[in-house]
Amino acid sequence: RVVNNLYVGTAGGHFEPEELNDAKVCVLRELQEECGLCEADITNLSLRYVTHRLLGGEIRQNYYFFADWNAGDREITSNEGRLEWHDLQKLGALEMPYSAKFMLEHYAEIGKDNSALYVGTANLKGMSFCELQEK
């Protein structure tokens, strides 16, 4: 585990070997395993950020998906901790992993207003983001 119990986190995990070429399959499996959510509970699922960070000689790569909640007032629970809704503008004050914090700041300032895919690379001042475009 790379995230301790002091952090705010999201549903997540690791790729299974058969999922390496399809991150969407992985995220849907993780949502089902950790929160009991199925694809019908969300809409507009899309990969929005991929971040990279070097820590302790290990390259950590994270994929961040976003989706719209489609399950009305249905209460969801997690087998990994307590789920809470938070105001996007106040997330920066919460303890969370390094890459997630900078990704959410970028999303709140820029990413929420478009559908681009961004790549973020950690540096000594935070993270540098650029829009990934197919060429």
C-alpha atoms as a PDB file:
ATOM      1  CA  ARG A   1       0.000   0.000   0.000  1.00  0.00           C
ATOM      2  CA  VAL A   2       1.261   3.452  -0.861  1.00  0.00           C
ATOM      3  CA  VAL A   3      -1.589   5.397   0.753  1.00  0.00           C
ATOM      4  CA  ASN A   4      -2.066   5.357   4.514  1.00  0.00           C
ATOM      5  CA  ASN A   5      -5.265   5.880   6.494  1.00  0.00           C
ATOM      6  CA  LEU A   6      -4.647   9.614   6.920  1.00  0.00           C
ATOM      7  CA  TYR A   7      -5.301  10.407   3.283  1.00  0.00           C
ATOM      8  CA  VAL A   8      -8.357  11.265   1.288  1.00  0.00           C
ATOM      9  CA  GLY A   9      -8.440   8.907  -1.660  1.00  0.00           C
ATOM     10  CA  THR A  10     -10.663   7.564  -4.356  1.00  0.00           C
ATOM     11  CA  ALA A  11     -11.641   4.099  -5.473  1.00  0.00           C
ATOM     12  CA  GLY A  12      -8.581   2.655  -7.090  1.00  0.00           C
ATOM     13  CA  GLY A  13      -6.168  -0.178  -7.345  1.00  0.00           C
ATOM     14  CA  HIS A  14      -3.910  -2.003  -9.714  1.00  0.00           C
ATOM     15  CA  PHE A  15      -4.302  -3.432 -13.178  1.00  0.00           C
ATOM     16  CA  GLU A  16      -4.827  -7.151 -13.577  1.00  0.00           C
ATOM     17  CA  PRO A  17      -2.661  -8.615 -16.375  1.00  0.00           C
ATOM     18  CA  GLU A  18      -5.626  -8.956 -18.755  1.00  0.00           C
ATOM     19  CA  GLU A  19      -6.558  -5.267 -18.209  1.00  0.00           C
ATOM     20  CA  LEU A  20      -3.230  -3.708 -19.208  1.00  0.00           C
ATOM     21  CA  ASN A  21      -4.546  -2.586 -22.608  1.00  0.00           C
ATOM     22  CA  ASP A  22      -7.967  -1.454 -21.356  1.00  0.00           C
ATOM     23  CA  ALA A  23      -7.909   0.910 -18.380  1.00  0.00           C
ATOM     24  CA  LYS A  24     -11.708   1.310 -18.529  1.00  0.00           C
ATOM     25  CA  VAL A  25     -12.187  -2.377 -17.711  1.00  0.00           C
ATOM     26  CA  CYS A  26      -9.869  -1.913 -14.737  1.00  0.00           C
ATOM     27  CA  VAL A  27     -11.673   1.151 -13.354  1.00  0.00           C
ATOM     28  CA  LEU A  28     -15.077  -0.519 -13.696  1.00  0.00           C
ATOM     29  CA  ARG A  29     -13.810  -3.598 -11.842  1.00  0.00           C
ATOM     30  CA  GLU A  30     -12.351  -1.450  -9.059  1.00  0.00           C
ATOM     31  CA  LEU A  31     -15.603   0.523  -8.683  1.00  0.00           C
ATOM     32  CA  GLN A  32     -17.531  -2.735  -8.394  1.00  0.00           C
ATOM     33  CA  GLU A  33     -15.102  -4.300  -5.917  1.00  0.00           C
ATOM     34  CA  GLU A  34     -14.669  -1.278  -3.672  1.00  0.00           C
ATOM     35  CA  CYS A  35     -18.015   0.535  -3.917  1.00  0.00           C
ATOM     36  CA  GLY A  36     -20.508  -1.929  -5.395  1.00  0.00           C
ATOM     37  CA  LEU A  37     -21.022   0.367  -8.399  1.00  0.00           C
ATOM     38  CA  CYS A  38     -21.727  -0.911 -11.883  1.00  0.00           C
ATOM     39  CA  GLU A  39     -21.443   0.855 -15.225  1.00  0.00           C
ATOM     40  CA  ALA A  40     -25.165   1.741 -15.136  1.00  0.00           C
ATOM     41  CA  ASP A  41     -24.564   3.828 -11.979  1.00  0.00           C
ATOM     42  CA  ILE A  42     -22.376   6.307 -13.876  1.00  0.00           C
ATOM     43  CA  THR A  43     -22.323   8.060 -17.247  1.00  0.00           C
ATOM     44  CA  ASN A  44     -19.653   9.810 -19.290  1.00  0.00           C
ATOM     45  CA  LEU A  45     -16.800   7.756 -17.861  1.00  0.00           C
ATOM     46  CA  SER A  46     -13.568   9.118 -19.303  1.00  0.00           C
ATOM     47  CA  LEU A  47      -9.865   9.014 -18.644  1.00  0.00           C
ATOM     48  CA  ARG A  48      -8.825  12.600 -17.906  1.00  0.00           C
ATOM     49  CA  TYR A  49      -5.394  12.479 -16.266  1.00  0.00           C
ATOM     50  CA  VAL A  50      -2.315  10.274 -16.252  1.00  0.00           C
ATOM     51  CA  THR A  51       0.349  11.306 -13.744  1.00  0.00           C
ATOM     52  CA  HIS A  52       3.950  10.223 -13.220  1.00  0.00           C
ATOM     53  CA  ARG A  53       6.091  10.571 -10.123  1.00  0.00           C
ATOM     54  CA  LEU A  54       9.489   9.167  -9.156  1.00  0.00           C
ATOM     55  CA  LEU A  55       9.599   8.152  -5.498  1.00  0.00           C
ATOM     56  CA  GLY A  56      12.153   5.907  -3.858  1.00  0.00           C
ATOM     57  CA  GLY A  57      13.424   4.712  -7.222  1.00  0.00           C
ATOM     58  CA  GLU A  58       9.905   3.654  -8.269  1.00  0.00           C
ATOM     59  CA  ILE A  59       7.999   5.330 -11.098  1.00  0.00           C
ATOM     60  CA  ARG A  60       4.405   5.720  -9.938  1.00  0.00           C
ATOM     61  CA  GLN A  61       1.876   6.099 -12.717  1.00  0.00           C
ATOM     62  CA  ASN A  62      -1.741   6.913 -11.927  1.00  0.00           C
ATOM     63  CA  TYR A  63      -4.786   6.992 -14.174  1.00  0.00           C
ATOM     64  CA  TYR A  64      -7.625   9.309 -13.099  1.00  0.00           C
ATOM     65  CA  PHE A  65     -11.074   8.743 -14.535  1.00  0.00           C
ATOM     66  CA  PHE A  66     -14.050  11.053 -14.099  1.00  0.00           C
ATOM     67  CA  ALA A  67     -17.737  10.236 -14.517  1.00  0.00           C
ATOM     68  CA  ASP A  68     -21.162  11.662 -13.798  1.00  0.00           C
ATOM     69  CA  TRP A  69     -23.148  10.113 -10.958  1.00  0.00           C
ATOM     70  CA  ASN A  70     -26.241   8.479 -12.359  1.00  0.00           C
ATOM     71  CA  ALA A  71     -27.640   6.647  -9.329  1.00  0.00           C
ATOM     72  CA  GLY A  72     -29.794   9.389  -7.794  1.00  0.00           C
ATOM     73  CA  ASP A  73     -29.949   9.376  -4.005  1.00  0.00           C
ATOM     74  CA  ARG A  74     -28.624   5.829  -3.717  1.00  0.00           C
ATOM     75  CA  GLU A  75     -26.216   5.562  -0.819  1.00  0.00           C
ATOM     76  CA  ILE A  76     -22.917   3.901  -1.598  1.00  0.00           C
ATOM     77  CA  THR A  77     -20.409   2.396   0.772  1.00  0.00           C
ATOM     78  CA  SER A  78     -16.848   1.253   0.437  1.00  0.00           C
ATOM     79  CA  ASN A  79     -14.980  -1.690   1.860  1.00  0.00           C
ATOM     80  CA  GLU A  80     -11.864   0.528   1.918  1.00  0.00           C
ATOM     81  CA  GLY A  81     -13.048   3.407   4.090  1.00  0.00           C
ATOM     82  CA  ARG A  82     -15.726   6.063   4.562  1.00  0.00           C
ATOM     83  CA  LEU A  83     -17.136   7.721   1.433  1.00  0.00           C
ATOM     84  CA  GLU A  84     -18.014  11.404   1.534  1.00  0.00           C
ATOM     85  CA  TRP A  85     -18.947  14.065  -1.001  1.00  0.00           C
ATOM     86  CA  HIS A  86     -16.702  17.152  -0.978  1.00  0.00           C
ATOM     87  CA  ASP A  87     -16.873  20.556  -2.610  1.00  0.00           C
ATOM     88  CA  LEU A  88     -14.371  20.642  -5.485  1.00  0.00           C
ATOM     89  CA  GLN A  89     -13.027  24.049  -4.425  1.00  0.00           C
ATOM     90  CA  LYS A  90     -12.254  22.793  -0.895  1.00  0.00           C
ATOM     91  CA  LEU A  91     -10.471  19.554  -1.812  1.00  0.00           C
ATOM     92  CA  GLY A  92      -7.048  21.187  -1.784  1.00  0.00           C
ATOM     93  CA  ALA A  93      -7.190  21.564   2.003  1.00  0.00           C
ATOM     94  CA  LEU A  94      -7.507  17.805   2.547  1.00  0.00           C
ATOM     95  CA  GLU A  95      -4.574  15.423   3.045  1.00  0.00           C
ATOM     96  CA  MET A  96      -4.103  13.279  -0.039  1.00  0.00           C
ATOM     97  CA  PRO A  97      -1.369  11.734  -2.154  1.00  0.00           C
ATOM     98  CA  TYR A  98       1.016  14.168  -3.864  1.00  0.00           C
ATOM     99  CA  SER A  99      -0.070  13.493  -7.458  1.00  0.00           C
ATOM    100  CA  ALA A 100      -3.774  13.515  -6.610  1.00  0.00           C
ATOM    101  CA  LYS A 101      -3.544  16.925  -4.942  1.00  0.00           C
ATOM    102  CA  PHE A 102      -1.969  18.612  -7.966  1.00  0.00           C
ATOM    103  CA  MET A 103      -4.246  16.782 -10.390  1.00  0.00           C
ATOM    104  CA  LEU A 104      -7.341  18.010  -8.528  1.00  0.00           C
ATOM    105  CA  GLU A 105      -6.009  21.575  -8.413  1.00  0.00           C
ATOM    106  CA  HIS A 106      -5.456  21.472 -12.180  1.00  0.00           C
ATOM    107  CA  TYR A 107      -8.894  19.952 -12.714  1.00  0.00           C
ATOM    108  CA  ALA A 108     -10.587  22.658 -10.610  1.00  0.00           C
ATOM    109  CA  GLU A 109      -8.768  25.442 -12.484  1.00  0.00           C
ATOM    110  CA  ILE A 110      -8.711  24.081 -16.051  1.00  0.00           C
ATOM    111  CA  GLY A 111      -9.774  20.477 -16.587  1.00  0.00           C
ATOM    112  CA  LYS A 112     -13.386  20.775 -15.443  1.00  0.00           C
ATOM    113  CA  ASP A 113     -14.097  23.147 -18.319  1.00  0.00           C
ATOM    114  CA  ASN A 114     -13.113  20.789 -21.132  1.00  0.00           C
ATOM    115  CA  SER A 115     -12.821  17.107 -22.023  1.00  0.00           C
ATOM    116  CA  ALA A 116      -9.064  16.984 -22.668  1.00  0.00           C
ATOM    117  CA  LEU A 117      -6.723  14.247 -21.505  1.00  0.00           C
ATOM    118  CA  TYR A 118      -3.810  15.631 -19.495  1.00  0.00           C
ATOM    119  CA  VAL A 119      -0.450  14.145 -18.564  1.00  0.00           C
ATOM    120  CA  GLY A 120       1.184  15.366 -15.380  1.00  0.00           C
ATOM    121  CA  THR A 121       4.805  14.906 -14.368  1.00  0.00           C
ATOM    122  CA  ALA A 122       5.968  15.564 -10.822  1.00  0.00           C
ATOM    123  CA  ASN A 123       8.798  18.020 -10.279  1.00  0.00           C
ATOM    124  CA  LEU A 124      10.269  19.914  -7.330  1.00  0.00           C
ATOM    125  CA  LYS A 125       7.594  22.644  -7.597  1.00  0.00           C
ATOM    126  CA  GLY A 126       4.564  20.358  -7.915  1.00  0.00           C
ATOM    127  CA  MET A 127       3.427  18.921 -11.231  1.00  0.00           C
ATOM    128  CA  SER A 128       3.623  20.105 -14.809  1.00  0.00           C
ATOM    129  CA  PHE A 129       0.588  19.307 -16.957  1.00  0.00           C
ATOM    130  CA  CYS A 130       0.179  19.245 -20.699  1.00  0.00           C
ATOM    131  CA  GLU A 131      -2.722  18.248 -22.878  1.00  0.00           C
ATOM    132  CA  LEU A 132      -2.123  14.931 -24.607  1.00  0.00           C
ATOM    133  CA  GLN A 133      -3.041  15.193 -28.267  1.00  0.00           C
ATOM    134  CA  GLU A 134      -3.024  12.557 -30.935  1.00  0.00           C
ATOM    135  CA  LYS A 135      -0.616  13.406 -33.738  1.00  0.00           C
END
